[in-house]
Amino acid sequence: MGLFDFLKKKQDAPTAGPDPELDALVRKLKDPDPKVRLDTCLKLGAMKARAASARPALEELIVDPDGDVCLAAAEAMSVILRAMDQRQR
């Protein structure tokens, strides 16, 4: 499954309670510093399925002006979606 194939998939995010750490990371994805956005993408990817609610914000970064951020966002999306898929099996 390619990146754009699973971007089209409409999977529901887990409906757990609020996650302050995740919320703080999602806010950092809009930081003007590309290094902060890059580091945040890496952290979200490491959270795997727990970061499912960050998908819309990560999708926006796939067209970030910084190429490294684009790649990190795409990788984080891939990791998150694979983890979600495994969880559903």
PDB file of N, CA and C in Angstrom:
ATOM      1  N   MET A   1       0.844  -1.169   0.000  1.00  0.00           N
ATOM      2  CA  MET A   1       0.000   0.000   0.000  1.00  0.00           C
ATOM      3  C   MET A   1       0.892   1.235   0.000  1.00  0.00           C
ATOM      4  N   GLY A   2       0.660   2.139  -0.913  1.00  0.00           N
ATOM      5  CA  GLY A   2       1.450   3.345  -1.025  1.00  0.00           C
ATOM      6  C   GLY A   2       0.964   4.444  -0.102  1.00  0.00           C
ATOM      7  N   LEU A   3       1.755   5.470   0.045  1.00  0.00           N
ATOM      8  CA  LEU A   3       1.431   6.585   0.921  1.00  0.00           C
ATOM      9  C   LEU A   3       0.076   7.183   0.595  1.00  0.00           C
ATOM     10  N   PHE A   4      -0.160   7.464  -0.672  1.00  0.00           N
ATOM     11  CA  PHE A   4      -1.402   8.130  -1.016  1.00  0.00           C
ATOM     12  C   PHE A   4      -2.596   7.190  -0.945  1.00  0.00           C
ATOM     13  N   ASP A   5      -2.357   5.890  -1.044  1.00  0.00           N
ATOM     14  CA  ASP A   5      -3.449   4.931  -0.876  1.00  0.00           C
ATOM     15  C   ASP A   5      -3.968   4.965   0.550  1.00  0.00           C
ATOM     16  N   PHE A   6      -3.051   4.948   1.528  1.00  0.00           N
ATOM     17  CA  PHE A   6      -3.577   4.939   2.880  1.00  0.00           C
ATOM     18  C   PHE A   6      -3.977   6.313   3.377  1.00  0.00           C
ATOM     19  N   LEU A   7      -3.569   7.373   2.684  1.00  0.00           N
ATOM     20  CA  LEU A   7      -4.101   8.689   3.024  1.00  0.00           C
ATOM     21  C   LEU A   7      -5.577   8.754   2.667  1.00  0.00           C
ATOM     22  N   LYS A   8      -5.955   8.010   1.634  1.00  0.00           N
ATOM     23  CA  LYS A   8      -7.346   7.977   1.208  1.00  0.00           C
ATOM     24  C   LYS A   8      -8.213   7.166   2.156  1.00  0.00           C
ATOM     25  N   LYS A   9      -7.597   6.217   2.870  1.00  0.00           N
ATOM     26  CA  LYS A   9      -8.360   5.379   3.791  1.00  0.00           C
ATOM     27  C   LYS A   9      -8.934   6.235   4.903  1.00  0.00           C
ATOM     28  N   LYS A  10     -10.157   6.005   5.197  1.00  0.00           N
ATOM     29  CA  LYS A  10     -10.803   6.738   6.287  1.00  0.00           C
ATOM     30  C   LYS A  10     -10.925   5.806   7.482  1.00  0.00           C
ATOM     31  N   GLN A  11      -9.897   5.809   8.295  1.00  0.00           N
ATOM     32  CA  GLN A  11      -9.911   4.994   9.497  1.00  0.00           C
ATOM     33  C   GLN A  11     -10.186   5.909  10.676  1.00  0.00           C
ATOM     34  N   ASP A  12     -11.004   5.440  11.580  1.00  0.00           N
ATOM     35  CA  ASP A  12     -11.299   6.232  12.759  1.00  0.00           C
ATOM     36  C   ASP A  12     -10.150   6.147  13.746  1.00  0.00           C
ATOM     37  N   ALA A  13      -9.854   7.274  14.350  1.00  0.00           N
ATOM     38  CA  ALA A  13      -8.828   7.300  15.389  1.00  0.00           C
ATOM     39  C   ALA A  13      -9.387   6.644  16.645  1.00  0.00           C
ATOM     40  N   PRO A  14      -8.525   6.060  17.435  1.00  0.00           N
ATOM     41  CA  PRO A  14      -8.994   5.481  18.691  1.00  0.00           C
ATOM     42  C   PRO A  14      -9.693   6.543  19.533  1.00  0.00           C
ATOM     43  N   THR A  15     -10.712   6.163  20.242  1.00  0.00           N
ATOM     44  CA  THR A  15     -11.497   7.119  21.007  1.00  0.00           C
ATOM     45  C   THR A  15     -11.145   7.055  22.490  1.00  0.00           C
ATOM     46  N   ALA A  16      -9.889   7.182  22.805  1.00  0.00           N
ATOM     47  CA  ALA A  16      -9.453   7.237  24.197  1.00  0.00           C
ATOM     48  C   ALA A  16      -9.653   8.657  24.704  1.00  0.00           C
ATOM     49  N   GLY A  17      -9.383   8.852  25.966  1.00  0.00           N
ATOM     50  CA  GLY A  17      -9.522  10.181  26.544  1.00  0.00           C
ATOM     51  C   GLY A  17      -8.477  11.138  26.001  1.00  0.00           C
ATOM     52  N   PRO A  18      -8.531  12.393  26.454  1.00  0.00           N
ATOM     53  CA  PRO A  18      -7.565  13.391  26.001  1.00  0.00           C
ATOM     54  C   PRO A  18      -6.128  12.971  26.328  1.00  0.00           C
ATOM     55  N   ASP A  19      -5.229  13.344  25.460  1.00  0.00           N
ATOM     56  CA  ASP A  19      -3.813  13.009  25.634  1.00  0.00           C
ATOM     57  C   ASP A  19      -3.021  14.313  25.551  1.00  0.00           C
ATOM     58  N   PRO A  20      -2.718  14.929  26.694  1.00  0.00           N
ATOM     59  CA  PRO A  20      -2.029  16.223  26.695  1.00  0.00           C
ATOM     60  C   PRO A  20      -0.689  16.202  25.963  1.00  0.00           C
ATOM     61  N   GLU A  21       0.056  15.104  26.089  1.00  0.00           N
ATOM     62  CA  GLU A  21       1.346  15.013  25.398  1.00  0.00           C
ATOM     63  C   GLU A  21       1.141  15.046  23.886  1.00  0.00           C
ATOM     64  N   LEU A  22       0.181  14.286  23.406  1.00  0.00           N
ATOM     65  CA  LEU A  22      -0.115  14.251  21.978  1.00  0.00           C
ATOM     66  C   LEU A  22      -0.609  15.613  21.489  1.00  0.00           C
ATOM     67  N   ASP A  23      -1.478  16.241  22.260  1.00  0.00           N
ATOM     68  CA  ASP A  23      -1.987  17.562  21.885  1.00  0.00           C
ATOM     69  C   ASP A  23      -0.850  18.580  21.770  1.00  0.00           C
ATOM     70  N   ALA A  24       0.096  18.532  22.701  1.00  0.00           N
ATOM     71  CA  ALA A  24       1.232  19.453  22.668  1.00  0.00           C
ATOM     72  C   ALA A  24       2.086  19.207  21.418  1.00  0.00           C
ATOM     73  N   LEU A  25       2.285  17.938  21.065  1.00  0.00           N
ATOM     74  CA  LEU A  25       3.076  17.628  19.871  1.00  0.00           C
ATOM     75  C   LEU A  25       2.372  18.109  18.601  1.00  0.00           C
ATOM     76  N   VAL A  26       1.076  17.925  18.536  1.00  0.00           N
ATOM     77  CA  VAL A  26       0.333  18.372  17.349  1.00  0.00           C
ATOM     78  C   VAL A  26       0.472  19.881  17.188  1.00  0.00           C
ATOM     79  N   ARG A  27       0.430  20.611  18.288  1.00  0.00           N
ATOM     80  CA  ARG A  27       0.613  22.073  18.209  1.00  0.00           C
ATOM     81  C   ARG A  27       2.010  22.414  17.684  1.00  0.00           C
ATOM     82  N   LYS A  28       3.016  21.622  18.054  1.00  0.00           N
ATOM     83  CA  LYS A  28       4.387  21.880  17.612  1.00  0.00           C
ATOM     84  C   LYS A  28       4.568  21.665  16.102  1.00  0.00           C
ATOM     85  N   LEU A  29       3.660  20.934  15.479  1.00  0.00           N
ATOM     86  CA  LEU A  29       3.768  20.720  14.032  1.00  0.00           C
ATOM     87  C   LEU A  29       3.591  22.022  13.251  1.00  0.00           C
ATOM     88  N   LYS A  30       3.066  23.049  13.888  1.00  0.00           N
ATOM     89  CA  LYS A  30       2.890  24.351  13.234  1.00  0.00           C
ATOM     90  C   LYS A  30       3.998  25.338  13.598  1.00  0.00           C
ATOM     91  N   ASP A  31       5.013  24.877  14.305  1.00  0.00           N
ATOM     92  CA  ASP A  31       6.121  25.742  14.709  1.00  0.00           C
ATOM     93  C   ASP A  31       6.829  26.275  13.462  1.00  0.00           C
ATOM     94  N   PRO A  32       7.258  27.531  13.481  1.00  0.00           N
ATOM     95  CA  PRO A  32       7.956  28.081  12.309  1.00  0.00           C
ATOM     96  C   PRO A  32       9.327  27.462  12.045  1.00  0.00           C
ATOM     97  N   ASP A  33       9.917  26.834  13.043  1.00  0.00           N
ATOM     98  CA  ASP A  33      11.247  26.228  12.899  1.00  0.00           C
ATOM     99  C   ASP A  33      11.121  24.816  12.319  1.00  0.00           C
ATOM    100  N   PRO A  34      11.683  24.580  11.129  1.00  0.00           N
ATOM    101  CA  PRO A  34      11.564  23.252  10.527  1.00  0.00           C
ATOM    102  C   PRO A  34      12.192  22.140  11.367  1.00  0.00           C
ATOM    103  N   LYS A  35      13.213  22.473  12.162  1.00  0.00           N
ATOM    104  CA  LYS A  35      13.833  21.451  13.027  1.00  0.00           C
ATOM    105  C   LYS A  35      12.844  20.973  14.088  1.00  0.00           C
ATOM    106  N   VAL A  36      12.047  21.900  14.600  1.00  0.00           N
ATOM    107  CA  VAL A  36      11.031  21.531  15.595  1.00  0.00           C
ATOM    108  C   VAL A  36       9.972  20.651  14.933  1.00  0.00           C
ATOM    109  N   ARG A  37       9.525  21.022  13.733  1.00  0.00           N
ATOM    110  CA  ARG A  37       8.518  20.220  13.027  1.00  0.00           C
ATOM    111  C   ARG A  37       9.064  18.828  12.716  1.00  0.00           C
ATOM    112  N   LEU A  38      10.321  18.758  12.281  1.00  0.00           N
ATOM    113  CA  LEU A  38      10.950  17.477  11.970  1.00  0.00           C
ATOM    114  C   LEU A  38      11.013  16.591  13.208  1.00  0.00           C
ATOM    115  N   ASP A  39      11.519  17.127  14.308  1.00  0.00           N
ATOM    116  CA  ASP A  39      11.632  16.372  15.556  1.00  0.00           C
ATOM    117  C   ASP A  39      10.254  15.906  16.030  1.00  0.00           C
ATOM    118  N   THR A  40       9.263  16.753  15.864  1.00  0.00           N
ATOM    119  CA  THR A  40       7.908  16.402  16.289  1.00  0.00           C
ATOM    120  C   THR A  40       7.345  15.262  15.448  1.00  0.00           C
ATOM    121  N   CYS A  41       7.608  15.276  14.158  1.00  0.00           N
ATOM    122  CA  CYS A  41       7.170  14.166  13.296  1.00  0.00           C
ATOM    123  C   CYS A  41       7.792  12.853  13.758  1.00  0.00           C
ATOM    124  N   LEU A  42       9.063  12.892  14.099  1.00  0.00           N
ATOM    125  CA  LEU A  42       9.749  11.689  14.571  1.00  0.00           C
ATOM    126  C   LEU A  42       9.132  11.183  15.878  1.00  0.00           C
ATOM    127  N   LYS A  43       8.812  12.102  16.770  1.00  0.00           N
ATOM    128  CA  LYS A  43       8.208  11.713  18.044  1.00  0.00           C
ATOM    129  C   LYS A  43       6.815  11.118  17.829  1.00  0.00           C
ATOM    130  N   LEU A  44       6.056  11.716  16.929  1.00  0.00           N
ATOM    131  CA  LEU A  44       4.716  11.186  16.657  1.00  0.00           C
ATOM    132  C   LEU A  44       4.793   9.803  16.029  1.00  0.00           C
ATOM    133  N   GLY A  45       5.731   9.604  15.125  1.00  0.00           N
ATOM    134  CA  GLY A  45       5.904   8.281  14.534  1.00  0.00           C
ATOM    135  C   GLY A  45       6.249   7.237  15.580  1.00  0.00           C
ATOM    136  N   ALA A  46       7.058   7.613  16.549  1.00  0.00           N
ATOM    137  CA  ALA A  46       7.440   6.683  17.619  1.00  0.00           C
ATOM    138  C   ALA A  46       6.250   6.313  18.508  1.00  0.00           C
ATOM    139  N   MET A  47       5.229   7.156  18.518  1.00  0.00           N
ATOM    140  CA  MET A  47       4.034   6.879  19.321  1.00  0.00           C
ATOM    141  C   MET A  47       3.105   5.875  18.634  1.00  0.00           C
ATOM    142  N   LYS A  48       3.366   5.605  17.370  1.00  0.00           N
ATOM    143  CA  LYS A  48       2.596   4.634  16.577  1.00  0.00           C
ATOM    144  C   LYS A  48       1.101   4.924  16.635  1.00  0.00           C
ATOM    145  N   ALA A  49       0.280   3.918  16.887  1.00  0.00           N
ATOM    146  CA  ALA A  49      -1.181   4.061  16.815  1.00  0.00           C
ATOM    147  C   ALA A  49      -1.711   5.088  17.819  1.00  0.00           C
ATOM    148  N   ARG A  50      -0.987   5.302  18.885  1.00  0.00           N
ATOM    149  CA  ARG A  50      -1.407   6.299  19.881  1.00  0.00           C
ATOM    150  C   ARG A  50      -1.519   7.694  19.260  1.00  0.00           C
ATOM    151  N   ALA A  51      -0.755   7.942  18.183  1.00  0.00           N
ATOM    152  CA  ALA A  51      -0.736   9.251  17.529  1.00  0.00           C
ATOM    153  C   ALA A  51      -1.740   9.339  16.375  1.00  0.00           C
ATOM    154  N   ALA A  52      -2.710   8.441  16.328  1.00  0.00           N
ATOM    155  CA  ALA A  52      -3.659   8.412  15.212  1.00  0.00           C
ATOM    156  C   ALA A  52      -4.391   9.741  15.017  1.00  0.00           C
ATOM    157  N   SER A  53      -4.682  10.430  16.083  1.00  0.00           N
ATOM    158  CA  SER A  53      -5.420  11.691  15.945  1.00  0.00           C
ATOM    159  C   SER A  53      -4.559  12.809  15.355  1.00  0.00           C
ATOM    160  N   ALA A  54      -3.258  12.579  15.216  1.00  0.00           N
ATOM    161  CA  ALA A  54      -2.361  13.576  14.614  1.00  0.00           C
ATOM    162  C   ALA A  54      -2.344  13.480  13.092  1.00  0.00           C
ATOM    163  N   ARG A  55      -3.030  12.493  12.528  1.00  0.00           N
ATOM    164  CA  ARG A  55      -2.983  12.277  11.084  1.00  0.00           C
ATOM    165  C   ARG A  55      -3.315  13.523  10.262  1.00  0.00           C
ATOM    166  N   PRO A  56      -4.384  14.263  10.562  1.00  0.00           N
ATOM    167  CA  PRO A  56      -4.678  15.445   9.727  1.00  0.00           C
ATOM    168  C   PRO A  56      -3.541  16.471   9.722  1.00  0.00           C
ATOM    169  N   ALA A  57      -2.937  16.693  10.874  1.00  0.00           N
ATOM    170  CA  ALA A  57      -1.828  17.655  10.953  1.00  0.00           C
ATOM    171  C   ALA A  57      -0.609  17.145  10.197  1.00  0.00           C
ATOM    172  N   LEU A  58      -0.355  15.847  10.262  1.00  0.00           N
ATOM    173  CA  LEU A  58       0.767  15.273   9.525  1.00  0.00           C
ATOM    174  C   LEU A  58       0.518  15.327   8.022  1.00  0.00           C
ATOM    175  N   GLU A  59      -0.716  15.101   7.607  1.00  0.00           N
ATOM    176  CA  GLU A  59      -1.053  15.175   6.183  1.00  0.00           C
ATOM    177  C   GLU A  59      -0.717  16.551   5.614  1.00  0.00           C
ATOM    178  N   GLU A  60      -0.961  17.593   6.400  1.00  0.00           N
ATOM    179  CA  GLU A  60      -0.634  18.954   5.954  1.00  0.00           C
ATOM    180  C   GLU A  60       0.872  19.128   5.740  1.00  0.00           C
ATOM    181  N   LEU A  61       1.682  18.447   6.542  1.00  0.00           N
ATOM    182  CA  LEU A  61       3.136  18.606   6.448  1.00  0.00           C
ATOM    183  C   LEU A  61       3.752  17.826   5.296  1.00  0.00           C
ATOM    184  N   ILE A  62       2.992  16.986   4.654  1.00  0.00           N
ATOM    185  CA  ILE A  62       3.540  16.239   3.527  1.00  0.00           C
ATOM    186  C   ILE A  62       3.903  17.187   2.381  1.00  0.00           C
ATOM    187  N   VAL A  63       3.365  18.390   2.401  1.00  0.00           N
ATOM    188  CA  VAL A  63       3.729  19.401   1.402  1.00  0.00           C
ATOM    189  C   VAL A  63       4.471  20.578   2.055  1.00  0.00           C
ATOM    190  N   ASP A  64       5.133  20.321   3.164  1.00  0.00           N
ATOM    191  CA  ASP A  64       5.902  21.355   3.868  1.00  0.00           C
ATOM    192  C   ASP A  64       7.007  21.889   2.960  1.00  0.00           C
ATOM    193  N   PRO A  65       7.351  23.177   3.070  1.00  0.00           N
ATOM    194  CA  PRO A  65       8.439  23.734   2.259  1.00  0.00           C
ATOM    195  C   PRO A  65       9.792  23.067   2.513  1.00  0.00           C
ATOM    196  N   ASP A  66       9.984  22.491   3.691  1.00  0.00           N
ATOM    197  CA  ASP A  66      11.235  21.814   4.019  1.00  0.00           C
ATOM    198  C   ASP A  66      11.107  20.337   3.646  1.00  0.00           C
ATOM    199  N   GLY A  67      11.949  19.873   2.742  1.00  0.00           N
ATOM    200  CA  GLY A  67      11.881  18.495   2.262  1.00  0.00           C
ATOM    201  C   GLY A  67      12.064  17.457   3.341  1.00  0.00           C
ATOM    202  N   ASP A  68      12.923  17.726   4.307  1.00  0.00           N
ATOM    203  CA  ASP A  68      13.138  16.771   5.394  1.00  0.00           C
ATOM    204  C   ASP A  68      11.876  16.617   6.242  1.00  0.00           C
ATOM    205  N   VAL A  69      11.164  17.714   6.430  1.00  0.00           N
ATOM    206  CA  VAL A  69       9.906  17.662   7.181  1.00  0.00           C
ATOM    207  C   VAL A  69       8.874  16.850   6.399  1.00  0.00           C
ATOM    208  N   CYS A  70       8.825  17.056   5.084  1.00  0.00           N
ATOM    209  CA  CYS A  70       7.897  16.280   4.238  1.00  0.00           C
ATOM    210  C   CYS A  70       8.146  14.786   4.410  1.00  0.00           C
ATOM    211  N   LEU A  71       9.392  14.391   4.318  1.00  0.00           N
ATOM    212  CA  LEU A  71       9.740  12.977   4.444  1.00  0.00           C
ATOM    213  C   LEU A  71       9.418  12.442   5.835  1.00  0.00           C
ATOM    214  N   ALA A  72       9.714  13.221   6.864  1.00  0.00           N
ATOM    215  CA  ALA A  72       9.442  12.776   8.231  1.00  0.00           C
ATOM    216  C   ALA A  72       7.940  12.653   8.472  1.00  0.00           C
ATOM    217  N   ALA A  73       7.162  13.571   7.923  1.00  0.00           N
ATOM    218  CA  ALA A  73       5.704  13.494   8.073  1.00  0.00           C
ATOM    219  C   ALA A  73       5.159  12.261   7.367  1.00  0.00           C
ATOM    220  N   ALA A  74       5.658  11.992   6.165  1.00  0.00           N
ATOM    221  CA  ALA A  74       5.207  10.817   5.420  1.00  0.00           C
ATOM    222  C   ALA A  74       5.586   9.539   6.156  1.00  0.00           C
ATOM    223  N   GLU A  75       6.780   9.486   6.706  1.00  0.00           N
ATOM    224  CA  GLU A  75       7.212   8.312   7.451  1.00  0.00           C
ATOM    225  C   GLU A  75       6.372   8.128   8.709  1.00  0.00           C
ATOM    226  N   ALA A  76       6.104   9.217   9.415  1.00  0.00           N
ATOM    227  CA  ALA A  76       5.279   9.126  10.620  1.00  0.00           C
ATOM    228  C   ALA A  76       3.885   8.614  10.276  1.00  0.00           C
ATOM    229  N   MET A  77       3.320   9.131   9.181  1.00  0.00           N
ATOM    230  CA  MET A  77       2.000   8.657   8.736  1.00  0.00           C
ATOM    231  C   MET A  77       2.049   7.161   8.440  1.00  0.00           C
ATOM    232  N   SER A  78       3.078   6.731   7.771  1.00  0.00           N
ATOM    233  CA  SER A  78       3.220   5.322   7.424  1.00  0.00           C
ATOM    234  C   SER A  78       3.280   4.447   8.672  1.00  0.00           C
ATOM    235  N   VAL A  79       4.092   4.843   9.640  1.00  0.00           N
ATOM    236  CA  VAL A  79       4.236   4.079  10.874  1.00  0.00           C
ATOM    237  C   VAL A  79       2.913   4.039  11.640  1.00  0.00           C
ATOM    238  N   ILE A  80       2.266   5.182  11.751  1.00  0.00           N
ATOM    239  CA  ILE A  80       1.000   5.266  12.482  1.00  0.00           C
ATOM    240  C   ILE A  80      -0.062   4.387  11.823  1.00  0.00           C
ATOM    241  N   LEU A  81      -0.187   4.485  10.523  1.00  0.00           N
ATOM    242  CA  LEU A  81      -1.219   3.719   9.829  1.00  0.00           C
ATOM    243  C   LEU A  81      -0.938   2.218   9.845  1.00  0.00           C
ATOM    244  N   ARG A  82       0.326   1.836   9.744  1.00  0.00           N
ATOM    245  CA  ARG A  82       0.657   0.411   9.859  1.00  0.00           C
ATOM    246  C   ARG A  82       0.302  -0.109  11.244  1.00  0.00           C
ATOM    247  N   ALA A  83       0.604   0.677  12.271  1.00  0.00           N
ATOM    248  CA  ALA A  83       0.276   0.268  13.636  1.00  0.00           C
ATOM    249  C   ALA A  83      -1.235   0.170  13.828  1.00  0.00           C
ATOM    250  N   MET A  84      -1.972   1.096  13.254  1.00  0.00           N
ATOM    251  CA  MET A  84      -3.428   1.051  13.351  1.00  0.00           C
ATOM    252  C   MET A  84      -3.972  -0.188  12.634  1.00  0.00           C
ATOM    253  N   ASP A  85      -3.395  -0.494  11.480  1.00  0.00           N
ATOM    254  CA  ASP A  85      -3.844  -1.650  10.713  1.00  0.00           C
ATOM    255  C   ASP A  85      -3.571  -2.938  11.498  1.00  0.00           C
ATOM    256  N   GLN A  86      -2.413  -3.027  12.106  1.00  0.00           N
ATOM    257  CA  GLN A  86      -2.067  -4.224  12.896  1.00  0.00           C
ATOM    258  C   GLN A  86      -2.978  -4.352  14.111  1.00  0.00           C
ATOM    259  N   ARG A  87      -3.319  -3.235  14.678  1.00  0.00           N
ATOM    260  CA  ARG A  87      -4.195  -3.239  15.868  1.00  0.00           C
ATOM    261  C   ARG A  87      -5.588  -3.748  15.505  1.00  0.00           C
ATOM    262  N   GLN A  88      -6.030  -3.460  14.279  1.00  0.00           N
ATOM    263  CA  GLN A  88      -7.368  -3.861  13.847  1.00  0.00           C
ATOM    264  C   GLN A  88      -7.440  -5.326  13.449  1.00  0.00           C
ATOM    265  N   ARG A  89      -6.336  -5.987  13.248  1.00  0.00           N
ATOM    266  CA  ARG A  89      -6.349  -7.400  12.841  1.00  0.00           C
ATOM    267  C   ARG A  89      -6.653  -8.315  13.976  1.00  0.00           C
TER     268      ARG A  89
END
